[in-house]
């Protein structure tokens, strides 16, 4: 339990770092919280940032249960400052803020867990456990051109997984999504995750702790074990319901990423609506998402159905706050696997029910395309 003095110190630090000339704390608590809700928020923040250890090891805290197989040792490792992750730029770089989902296509066309990897490739293991895999990523480019002749290039991922998962395996990169503002997305028919598979924020947190860190909970009691291990881990509930509640409370109250500027490019907004983008990314909604699954076409079909989503379906991503991301990097990696280098490439990858929007974007003259991008950069 945090003492009142500790809670005050954390909250005071969060409110004064920007005044000291340092970047503002992205996890500063919202104003107006009661003492109890503030204490729970700070407990959740500690859980989010905690470095989990293998069961049976000693340390300054009780954050035990990591692995035996895992991807990262903390929530914050993937969601740096609460923001987006990215896939490696070339095969020499490790997976740090992205992971790989995997499955096996059966003879009847259905996709189930892979017999060796399960549903997620974990590329790290605790001391004494056998490493499950080694992974690397390269990119292949394809070129095209807009109607006015300007050329563009799109890239798609080429994964190498060792041991070889076999010809019937299907694998998909998933970059870490921003956690800021997730509380505003609760209560919709489609839930959390890239394909909306988790019904609520609590399940999403428990699923991430299970798949990414090998931490069991009452919602996901099975540990991430190497195949040769008959038993592993410290039991069916290493997280604990109270800590899961605290973590969920913290993420639920994290404010959304602020818009970079007030969108004032009227031509860009006009193109956004004329192309049909607003049908799913509705500007009247706080996060600019309808929170629904949509067919995104063959180009973004990752071969992996999940929950109620088909392999070609993805949940509409929030656009509010995109401008802040782009202000830091105009070529920020977008889409589920980070293949799109900025918003123009993301639009060009749209297919399925959004194919008409992508085709319309290709037909726009450069001035209209640039106006649309400026509009997105202000969100």
Protein backbone atom coordinates (compact mmCIF):
# COMPACT_ATOMS: atom_id res chain seq x y z
CA UNK A 1 0.00 0.00 0.00
CA UNK A 2 1.25 3.49 -0.83
CA UNK A 3 1.45 5.91 2.07
CA UNK A 4 -0.24 9.28 1.88
CA UNK A 5 3.21 10.88 1.73
CA UNK A 6 4.23 8.68 -1.21
CA UNK A 7 1.02 9.50 -3.09
CA UNK A 8 1.57 13.21 -2.50
CA UNK A 9 5.18 12.98 -3.66
CA UNK A 10 4.29 11.16 -6.88
CA UNK A 11 1.46 13.56 -7.67
CA UNK A 12 3.61 16.62 -6.86
CA UNK A 13 6.40 15.34 -9.09
CA UNK A 14 3.95 14.73 -11.93
CA UNK A 15 2.65 18.28 -11.71
CA UNK A 16 6.04 20.00 -11.52
CA UNK A 17 8.29 18.25 -14.02
CA UNK A 18 7.21 20.52 -16.88
CA UNK A 19 7.76 23.60 -14.73
CA UNK A 20 11.33 22.41 -14.19
CA UNK A 21 11.95 22.39 -17.93
CA UNK A 22 11.54 18.64 -18.34
CA UNK A 23 8.95 16.93 -20.55
CA UNK A 24 5.55 16.70 -18.85
CA UNK A 25 4.79 13.40 -17.17
CA UNK A 26 2.58 11.40 -19.60
CA UNK A 27 1.15 9.47 -16.66
CA UNK A 28 0.29 12.43 -14.44
CA UNK A 29 -2.98 11.69 -12.60
CA UNK A 30 -6.13 13.54 -13.63
CA UNK A 31 -7.15 16.38 -11.40
CA UNK A 32 -10.05 16.06 -9.01
CA UNK A 33 -9.52 12.47 -7.92
CA UNK A 34 -10.53 11.50 -4.41
CA UNK A 35 -7.78 10.32 -2.08
CA UNK A 36 -8.77 6.67 -2.55
CA UNK A 37 -9.01 6.91 -6.34
CA UNK A 38 -5.66 8.73 -6.49
CA UNK A 39 -4.06 6.01 -4.36
CA UNK A 40 -5.44 3.32 -6.67
CA UNK A 41 -4.22 5.27 -9.70
CA UNK A 42 -0.68 5.43 -8.32
CA UNK A 43 -0.74 1.72 -7.45
CA UNK A 44 -1.77 1.02 -11.02
CA UNK A 45 1.01 3.22 -12.34
CA UNK A 46 3.56 1.24 -10.34
CA UNK A 47 2.19 -2.04 -11.71
CA UNK A 48 2.33 -0.67 -15.26
CA UNK A 49 5.98 0.35 -14.83
CA UNK A 50 7.11 -2.60 -12.68
CA UNK A 51 9.84 -4.95 -13.91
CA UNK A 52 8.45 -8.42 -13.27
CA UNK A 53 10.77 -11.22 -12.15
CA UNK A 54 10.63 -15.01 -12.49
CA UNK A 55 8.80 -16.89 -9.75
CA UNK A 56 10.93 -17.74 -6.73
CA UNK A 57 13.44 -14.93 -7.21
CA UNK A 58 14.14 -12.25 -4.65
CA UNK A 59 13.88 -8.52 -5.15
CA UNK A 60 12.71 -5.25 -3.61
CA UNK A 61 9.04 -5.94 -4.39
CA UNK A 62 6.57 -8.77 -4.96
CA UNK A 63 6.25 -8.49 -8.74
CA UNK A 64 6.93 -12.16 -9.45
CA UNK A 65 5.73 -14.63 -12.07
CA UNK A 66 7.48 -13.59 -15.29
CA UNK A 67 7.61 -16.25 -17.99
CA UNK A 68 8.95 -18.85 -18.33
CA UNK A 69 8.39 -17.56 -21.89
CA UNK A 70 7.77 -13.87 -22.46
CA UNK A 71 8.29 -10.89 -24.78
CA UNK A 72 8.99 -8.03 -22.36
CA UNK A 73 9.34 -7.59 -18.60
CA UNK A 74 6.89 -4.70 -18.12
CA UNK A 75 3.86 -3.02 -19.62
CA UNK A 76 5.88 0.17 -20.03
CA UNK A 77 8.52 -1.66 -22.06
CA UNK A 78 6.12 -1.87 -25.02
CA UNK A 79 3.94 1.16 -24.30
CA UNK A 80 6.71 3.70 -23.85
CA UNK A 81 5.18 6.85 -22.35
CA UNK A 82 1.83 5.26 -23.11
CA UNK A 83 2.38 5.58 -26.85
CA UNK A 84 2.58 3.42 -29.97
CA UNK A 85 5.13 0.73 -30.60
CA UNK A 86 6.95 -0.02 -33.82
CA UNK A 87 8.31 -3.05 -35.63
CA UNK A 88 12.06 -3.37 -36.30
CA UNK A 89 13.34 -1.47 -39.33
CA UNK A 90 15.67 -4.26 -40.46
CA UNK A 91 16.72 -7.83 -39.52
CA UNK A 92 19.56 -6.62 -37.28
CA UNK A 93 17.16 -4.98 -34.82
CA UNK A 94 15.24 -6.83 -32.10
CA UNK A 95 11.50 -6.78 -31.47
CA UNK A 96 11.10 -4.32 -28.59
CA UNK A 97 7.63 -2.77 -28.90
CA UNK A 98 5.97 -5.27 -31.23
CA UNK A 99 5.14 -8.98 -31.11
CA UNK A 100 4.06 -11.79 -33.40
CA UNK A 101 0.72 -13.59 -33.31
CA UNK A 102 0.71 -17.00 -34.94
CA UNK A 103 -1.58 -19.88 -35.83
CA UNK A 104 -1.81 -23.02 -37.95
CA UNK A 105 -4.19 -23.41 -40.88
CA UNK A 106 -5.93 -26.77 -40.72
CA UNK A 107 -7.04 -28.93 -43.66
CA UNK A 108 -10.61 -27.58 -43.37
CA UNK A 109 -9.39 -23.99 -43.65
CA UNK A 110 -9.84 -23.08 -39.99
CA UNK A 111 -6.97 -21.58 -38.03
CA UNK A 112 -6.02 -22.88 -34.60
CA UNK A 113 -3.07 -22.52 -32.22
CA UNK A 114 0.31 -23.49 -33.61
CA UNK A 115 1.51 -26.82 -32.14
CA UNK A 116 4.87 -25.34 -31.10
CA UNK A 117 4.27 -21.62 -30.59
CA UNK A 118 0.63 -21.55 -29.48
CA UNK A 119 -1.02 -18.24 -30.42
CA UNK A 120 1.92 -15.90 -29.78
CA UNK A 121 5.64 -16.13 -30.43
CA UNK A 122 7.62 -15.37 -27.29
CA UNK A 123 11.25 -14.63 -28.11
CA UNK A 124 12.60 -14.47 -24.56
CA UNK A 125 12.83 -16.96 -21.71
CA UNK A 126 13.74 -16.79 -18.03
CA UNK A 127 17.06 -18.32 -16.92
CA UNK A 128 16.92 -22.10 -17.07
CA UNK A 129 14.03 -22.25 -19.56
CA UNK A 130 14.49 -23.22 -23.19
CA UNK A 131 14.22 -20.33 -25.65
CA UNK A 132 11.18 -20.90 -27.88
CA UNK A 133 12.18 -18.90 -30.93
CA UNK A 134 14.41 -16.45 -32.72
CA UNK A 135 12.75 -13.89 -34.96
CA UNK A 136 13.80 -11.25 -37.43
CA UNK A 137 12.03 -8.91 -39.82
CA UNK A 138 12.83 -7.56 -43.26
CA UNK A 139 10.71 -5.40 -45.57
CA UNK A 140 9.90 -5.71 -49.26
CA UNK A 141 8.86 -2.71 -51.36
CA UNK A 142 6.29 -2.42 -54.12
CA UNK A 143 5.82 0.72 -56.18
CA UNK A 144 2.82 2.48 -57.67
CA UNK A 145 1.78 5.89 -58.84
CA UNK A 146 -0.99 8.40 -58.28
CA UNK A 147 -3.19 9.48 -61.15
CA UNK A 148 -1.05 12.58 -61.66
CA UNK A 149 2.06 10.45 -62.14
CA UNK A 150 3.72 10.96 -58.76
CA UNK A 151 5.19 7.67 -57.60
CA UNK A 152 4.85 6.05 -54.19
CA UNK A 153 6.28 2.96 -52.52
CA UNK A 154 4.59 0.59 -50.11
CA UNK A 155 6.34 -1.95 -47.94
CA UNK A 156 5.15 -5.24 -46.47
CA UNK A 157 6.83 -7.38 -43.80
CA UNK A 158 8.84 -10.55 -44.40
CA UNK A 159 9.15 -12.48 -41.14
CA UNK A 160 11.73 -15.12 -40.33
CA UNK A 161 10.85 -17.36 -37.39
CA UNK A 162 13.15 -20.07 -36.10
CA UNK A 163 12.44 -22.90 -35.76
CA UNK A 164 10.51 -22.77 -39.03
CA UNK A 165 6.79 -22.87 -38.14
CA UNK A 166 5.97 -24.75 -41.35
CA UNK A 167 4.12 -23.99 -44.61
CA UNK A 168 0.65 -23.94 -43.02
CA UNK A 169 1.57 -21.42 -40.34
CA UNK A 170 0.18 -17.88 -40.47
CA UNK A 171 1.88 -15.10 -38.55
CA UNK A 172 1.15 -11.42 -38.01
CA UNK A 173 3.07 -8.54 -36.45
CA UNK A 174 1.19 -6.46 -33.91
CA UNK A 175 2.74 -3.21 -32.71
CA UNK A 176 1.81 -1.95 -29.25
CA UNK A 177 -1.20 0.35 -29.36
CA UNK A 178 -1.36 3.57 -27.35
CA UNK A 179 -2.88 3.06 -23.92
CA UNK A 180 -3.74 6.72 -23.37
CA UNK A 181 -7.43 7.44 -23.84
CA UNK A 182 -8.54 3.80 -23.81
CA UNK A 183 -11.05 4.43 -21.04
CA UNK A 184 -13.16 6.52 -23.43
CA UNK A 185 -13.52 3.50 -25.74
CA UNK A 186 -15.20 1.19 -23.24
CA UNK A 187 -18.82 0.15 -23.55
CA UNK A 188 -18.95 -0.65 -27.26
CA UNK A 189 -20.01 -3.87 -28.96
CA UNK A 190 -16.51 -4.38 -30.33
CA UNK A 191 -13.86 -4.55 -27.64
CA UNK A 192 -10.13 -4.00 -27.32
CA UNK A 193 -7.12 -5.11 -29.30
CA UNK A 194 -6.40 -4.73 -32.99
CA UNK A 195 -9.31 -7.00 -33.83
CA UNK A 196 -11.48 -6.09 -30.85
CA UNK A 197 -11.21 -9.59 -29.37
CA UNK A 198 -11.17 -8.63 -25.68
CA UNK A 199 -14.56 -7.55 -24.31
CA UNK A 200 -13.31 -4.87 -21.94
CA UNK A 201 -10.22 -3.12 -20.67
CA UNK A 202 -9.73 -5.53 -17.75
CA UNK A 203 -9.65 -8.54 -20.09
CA UNK A 204 -7.31 -6.69 -22.45
CA UNK A 205 -4.87 -5.98 -19.62
CA UNK A 206 -4.99 -9.58 -18.40
CA UNK A 207 -4.53 -10.92 -21.94
CA UNK A 208 -1.48 -8.70 -22.50
CA UNK A 209 0.07 -9.72 -19.18
CA UNK A 210 -0.49 -13.36 -20.10
CA UNK A 211 0.79 -13.31 -23.69
CA UNK A 212 3.50 -10.68 -23.36
CA UNK A 213 4.90 -11.44 -19.90
CA UNK A 214 3.69 -14.96 -19.09
CA UNK A 215 1.79 -13.73 -16.04
CA UNK A 216 -1.24 -15.76 -15.00
CA UNK A 217 -4.47 -14.32 -13.64
CA UNK A 218 -7.95 -15.53 -12.83
CA UNK A 219 -8.92 -14.55 -16.38
CA UNK A 220 -5.92 -16.26 -18.02
CA UNK A 221 -4.72 -18.96 -15.60
CA UNK A 222 -2.55 -20.93 -18.05
CA UNK A 223 1.18 -20.00 -18.02
CA UNK A 224 3.30 -19.57 -21.14
CA UNK A 225 5.31 -22.81 -20.95
CA UNK A 226 7.97 -24.33 -23.18
CA UNK A 227 6.65 -27.51 -24.79
CA UNK A 228 8.98 -29.78 -22.85
CA UNK A 229 7.78 -28.39 -19.53
CA UNK A 230 4.86 -30.20 -17.93
CA UNK A 231 4.41 -27.58 -15.23
CA UNK A 232 5.79 -24.07 -14.99
CA UNK A 233 5.15 -20.75 -13.38
CA UNK A 234 4.10 -19.91 -9.88
CA UNK A 235 0.43 -20.82 -10.04
CA UNK A 236 -2.79 -19.87 -11.83
CA UNK A 237 -2.99 -16.31 -10.46
CA UNK A 238 0.34 -14.49 -10.35
CA UNK A 239 -1.14 -11.06 -10.98
CA UNK A 240 -3.96 -11.05 -8.43
CA UNK A 241 -7.40 -9.53 -8.88
CA UNK A 242 -6.62 -6.45 -6.81
CA UNK A 243 -3.54 -5.59 -8.88
CA UNK A 244 -5.45 -6.22 -12.09
CA UNK A 245 -8.15 -3.84 -10.80
CA UNK A 246 -5.53 -1.21 -9.94
CA UNK A 247 -3.87 -1.49 -13.36
CA UNK A 248 -7.22 -1.22 -15.13
CA UNK A 249 -8.19 1.81 -13.03
CA UNK A 250 -4.89 3.51 -13.99
CA UNK A 251 -5.25 2.89 -17.73
CA UNK A 252 -8.96 3.76 -17.71
CA UNK A 253 -8.17 7.21 -16.32
CA UNK A 254 -5.19 8.01 -18.55
CA UNK A 255 -6.15 11.03 -20.64
CA UNK A 256 -6.09 10.74 -24.41
CA UNK A 257 -3.17 12.09 -26.38
CA UNK A 258 -3.96 15.77 -27.00
CA UNK A 259 -4.46 16.95 -30.58
CA UNK A 260 -1.41 18.56 -32.11
CA UNK A 261 -3.41 21.59 -33.23
CA UNK A 262 -6.96 22.60 -34.01
CA UNK A 263 -7.71 21.11 -37.44
CA UNK A 264 -8.30 24.18 -39.57
CA UNK A 265 -7.45 22.98 -43.07
CA UNK A 266 -10.89 23.27 -44.61
CA UNK A 267 -9.81 21.78 -47.91
CA UNK A 268 -8.28 18.78 -46.12
CA UNK A 269 -11.41 18.27 -44.03
CA UNK A 270 -13.51 18.50 -47.19
CA UNK A 271 -11.41 15.76 -48.83
CA UNK A 272 -11.56 13.63 -45.66
CA UNK A 273 -15.34 13.65 -45.81
CA UNK A 274 -15.62 13.40 -49.60
CA UNK A 275 -13.46 10.26 -49.67
CA UNK A 276 -15.71 8.60 -47.09
CA UNK A 277 -13.11 8.53 -44.29
CA UNK A 278 -15.57 10.10 -41.86
CA UNK A 279 -17.94 7.14 -42.18
CA UNK A 280 -15.67 5.13 -39.87
CA UNK A 281 -13.40 7.84 -38.43
CA UNK A 282 -16.33 10.01 -37.40
CA UNK A 283 -15.09 13.49 -36.33
CA UNK A 284 -18.13 13.88 -34.07
CA UNK A 285 -16.91 11.03 -31.87
CA UNK A 286 -14.30 11.91 -29.21
CA UNK A 287 -11.68 9.48 -30.55
CA UNK A 288 -12.78 9.54 -34.22
CA UNK A 289 -13.59 5.83 -34.37
CA UNK A 290 -16.86 3.94 -34.76
CA UNK A 291 -15.34 1.04 -32.76
CA UNK A 292 -16.51 -1.47 -35.36
CA UNK A 293 -14.86 -4.24 -37.34
CA UNK A 294 -14.41 -3.64 -41.06
CA UNK A 295 -13.17 -5.65 -44.02
CA UNK A 296 -9.83 -4.04 -44.88
CA UNK A 297 -9.13 -6.13 -47.96
CA UNK A 298 -6.60 -8.69 -49.10
CA UNK A 299 -3.60 -6.42 -48.59
CA UNK A 300 -4.16 -6.26 -44.83
CA UNK A 301 -5.47 -9.84 -44.45
CA UNK A 302 -3.05 -11.37 -41.93
CA UNK A 303 -4.55 -14.87 -42.08
CA UNK A 304 -5.44 -14.85 -38.39
CA UNK A 305 -9.09 -14.69 -37.29
CA UNK A 306 -9.45 -13.55 -33.69
CA UNK A 307 -12.56 -13.47 -31.55
CA UNK A 308 -15.44 -12.48 -33.83
CA UNK A 309 -13.10 -10.91 -36.39
CA UNK A 310 -12.20 -12.57 -39.67
CA UNK A 311 -8.58 -12.50 -40.78
CA UNK A 312 -9.29 -9.53 -43.07
CA UNK A 313 -11.22 -7.53 -40.45
CA UNK A 314 -9.75 -4.85 -38.20
CA UNK A 315 -11.25 -2.50 -35.65
CA UNK A 316 -11.34 1.15 -36.68
CA UNK A 317 -8.40 2.90 -35.06
CA UNK A 318 -8.82 6.21 -33.22
CA UNK A 319 -7.45 9.21 -35.13
CA UNK A 320 -7.69 11.86 -32.44
CA UNK A 321 -4.13 12.64 -31.32
CA UNK A 322 -2.60 11.38 -34.58
CA UNK A 323 -1.22 14.84 -35.25
CA UNK A 324 0.85 14.74 -32.07
CA UNK A 325 2.39 11.45 -33.21
CA UNK A 326 3.10 12.87 -36.67
CA UNK A 327 4.57 16.07 -35.24
CA UNK A 328 7.32 13.94 -33.71
CA UNK A 329 7.78 11.81 -36.82
CA UNK A 330 5.91 12.58 -40.08
CA UNK A 331 6.74 9.02 -41.22
CA UNK A 332 5.57 7.40 -37.98
CA UNK A 333 4.84 3.68 -38.54
CA UNK A 334 1.08 3.14 -38.71
CA UNK A 335 -1.34 0.20 -39.12
CA UNK A 336 -1.25 -3.03 -37.10
CA UNK A 337 2.28 -4.00 -38.13
CA UNK A 338 3.77 -0.56 -38.66
CA UNK A 339 4.16 -1.06 -42.42
CA UNK A 340 2.77 2.37 -43.31
CA UNK A 341 5.32 5.16 -43.05
CA UNK A 342 2.94 7.99 -42.35
CA UNK A 343 -0.73 8.60 -43.17
CA UNK A 344 -0.48 8.57 -46.99
CA UNK A 345 0.81 4.99 -47.03
CA UNK A 346 -1.81 3.99 -44.43
CA UNK A 347 -4.57 5.30 -46.70
CA UNK A 348 -3.13 3.48 -49.72
CA UNK A 349 -3.20 0.16 -47.83
CA UNK A 350 -6.95 0.46 -47.21
CA UNK A 351 -8.99 -2.11 -49.12
CA UNK A 352 -12.22 -4.04 -48.75
CA UNK A 353 -15.02 -1.71 -47.68
CA UNK A 354 -12.49 1.16 -47.73
CA UNK A 355 -11.19 0.45 -51.24
CA UNK A 356 -13.16 3.33 -52.73
CA UNK A 357 -11.51 5.74 -50.29
CA UNK A 358 -8.02 4.55 -51.23
CA UNK A 359 -8.86 4.72 -54.95
CA UNK A 360 -10.25 8.23 -54.53
CA UNK A 361 -7.08 9.29 -52.72
CA UNK A 362 -5.00 8.03 -55.64
CA UNK A 363 -7.05 10.15 -58.05
CA UNK A 364 -6.64 13.39 -56.10
CA UNK A 365 -4.23 16.00 -57.41
CA UNK A 366 -1.16 16.60 -55.26
CA UNK A 367 -2.60 19.80 -53.76
CA UNK A 368 -5.69 17.97 -52.48
CA UNK A 369 -3.64 15.03 -51.19
CA UNK A 370 -1.38 17.40 -49.30
CA UNK A 371 -4.36 19.23 -47.85
CA UNK A 372 -5.78 15.94 -46.53
CA UNK A 373 -2.44 15.07 -44.92
CA UNK A 374 -2.29 18.54 -43.31
CA UNK A 375 -5.75 17.94 -41.88
CA UNK A 376 -4.63 14.64 -40.37
CA UNK A 377 -1.52 16.32 -38.97
CA UNK A 378 -3.77 18.66 -37.00
CA UNK A 379 -5.82 15.95 -35.31
